[in-house]
Protein backbone atom coordinates (compact mmCIF):
# COMPACT_ATOMS: atom_id res chain seq x y z
CA MET A 1 -16.26 -8.24 14.62
CA VAL A 2 -12.54 -8.21 15.75
CA PRO A 3 -11.22 -4.98 17.44
CA LEU A 4 -8.50 -3.09 15.87
CA SER A 5 -6.41 -3.51 18.89
CA TRP A 6 -6.06 -7.26 18.31
CA TYR A 7 -4.75 -6.95 14.76
CA LEU A 8 -2.31 -4.49 15.85
CA ALA A 9 -1.14 -6.70 18.69
CA LEU A 10 -1.01 -9.58 16.36
CA SER A 11 1.07 -7.40 13.81
CA ALA A 12 3.38 -6.14 16.57
CA VAL A 13 4.16 -9.92 17.68
CA LEU A 14 4.92 -10.81 14.19
CA PHE A 15 7.02 -7.73 13.63
CA THR A 16 9.05 -8.76 16.90
CA ILE A 17 9.47 -12.34 15.61
CA GLY A 18 10.85 -11.18 12.45
CA ALA A 19 13.36 -8.58 14.11
CA VAL A 20 14.70 -11.23 16.61
CA GLY A 21 14.90 -13.66 13.73
CA VAL A 22 17.02 -11.24 11.79
CA PHE A 23 19.60 -10.51 14.65
CA VAL A 24 19.82 -13.97 16.02
CA LYS A 25 19.76 -16.14 12.74
CA ARG A 26 23.01 -16.94 11.04
CA ASN A 27 21.54 -18.73 7.80
CA VAL A 28 20.68 -16.17 5.11
CA ILE A 29 17.48 -17.97 3.93
CA SER A 30 16.43 -17.73 7.28
CA ILE A 31 17.08 -14.13 7.58
CA PHE A 32 15.13 -13.62 4.25
CA MET A 33 12.40 -15.33 5.78
CA CYS A 34 12.26 -12.94 8.83
CA ILE A 35 12.15 -10.00 6.55
CA GLU A 36 9.49 -11.04 4.71
CA LEU A 37 7.58 -11.79 8.15
CA MET A 38 8.35 -8.14 9.27
CA LEU A 39 7.02 -7.01 5.74
CA ASN A 40 3.66 -9.01 6.23
CA ALA A 41 3.43 -7.52 9.69
CA VAL A 42 3.20 -4.29 8.14
CA ASN A 43 1.10 -5.19 5.67
CA LEU A 44 -1.52 -6.53 8.36
CA THR A 45 -1.16 -3.23 10.00
CA LEU A 46 -1.80 -1.51 6.88
CA ILE A 47 -4.97 -3.41 6.07
CA ALA A 48 -6.21 -3.25 9.71
CA PHE A 49 -6.00 0.44 9.64
CA SER A 50 -7.49 0.67 6.20
CA SER A 51 -10.46 -1.14 7.16
CA PHE A 52 -10.91 0.56 10.29
CA TYR A 53 -10.80 4.03 8.61
CA ARG A 54 -13.01 2.71 5.82
CA GLU A 55 -10.06 4.02 3.20
CA VAL A 56 -8.37 2.46 0.30
CA SER A 57 -5.09 4.22 0.47
CA GLY A 58 -3.92 1.52 2.89
CA GLN A 59 -4.61 -1.03 0.48
CA LEU A 60 -2.82 0.62 -2.13
CA PHE A 61 0.33 0.69 0.15
CA VAL A 62 -0.04 -3.18 0.85
CA PHE A 63 0.26 -3.52 -2.98
CA ILE A 64 3.34 -1.51 -3.02
CA VAL A 65 4.92 -3.33 -0.12
CA MET A 66 4.11 -6.83 -1.90
CA THR A 67 5.44 -5.62 -5.05
CA VAL A 68 8.95 -4.53 -3.11
CA ALA A 69 8.77 -7.73 -1.31
CA ALA A 70 8.69 -9.69 -4.36
CA ALA A 71 11.45 -7.77 -5.98
CA GLU A 72 13.62 -8.25 -2.57
CA ALA A 73 12.75 -11.93 -2.78
CA GLY A 74 14.02 -12.22 -6.53
CA VAL A 75 17.22 -10.23 -6.44
CA GLY A 76 18.12 -11.62 -2.60
CA LEU A 77 17.72 -15.19 -3.65
CA ALA A 78 20.08 -14.27 -6.89
CA LEU A 79 22.66 -12.97 -4.66
CA VAL A 80 22.43 -15.77 -2.26
CA ILE A 81 22.80 -18.35 -5.28
CA ALA A 82 26.07 -16.24 -6.24
CA VAL A 83 27.57 -15.97 -2.82
CA PHE A 84 26.82 -19.75 -2.27
CA ARG A 85 28.58 -20.66 -5.61
CA ASN A 86 31.44 -18.75 -4.48
CA ARG A 87 31.68 -19.55 -0.73
CA GLU A 88 29.76 -22.55 -0.66
CA SER A 89 28.10 -21.56 2.82
CA LEU A 90 24.98 -19.79 3.47
CA ASN A 91 26.24 -18.87 7.18
CA THR A 92 26.75 -15.16 7.54
CA ASP A 93 29.92 -15.77 9.57
CA ASP A 94 31.44 -17.49 6.72
CA ILE A 95 30.28 -14.99 4.36
CA ASN A 96 32.83 -11.97 4.28
CA LEU A 97 33.44 -10.67 0.60
CA LEU A 98 35.79 -8.15 1.65
CA LYS A 99 38.58 -10.98 2.31
CA LEU A 100 40.42 -12.61 -0.46
């Protein structure tokens, strides 16, 4: 049986990689992928604690987080397509919607 600390360490590493990716990346698609990685790290933590404490509530929260992630992906990609059609770039430095 794998100890809880290994799951938490893996989750911390995944969340850190995702957070660094959000701050470092300049491509909008890469930023969305890093946000999804962070959400999956949180899901791993919730499942690990749910299994450790033998509770079902962590698994219910994972279902909610997955639903929010799916909605975020759908709305986010729709916004990316709309911005790309207007600006023809997915670089965050080139996308400034307040400029004319």
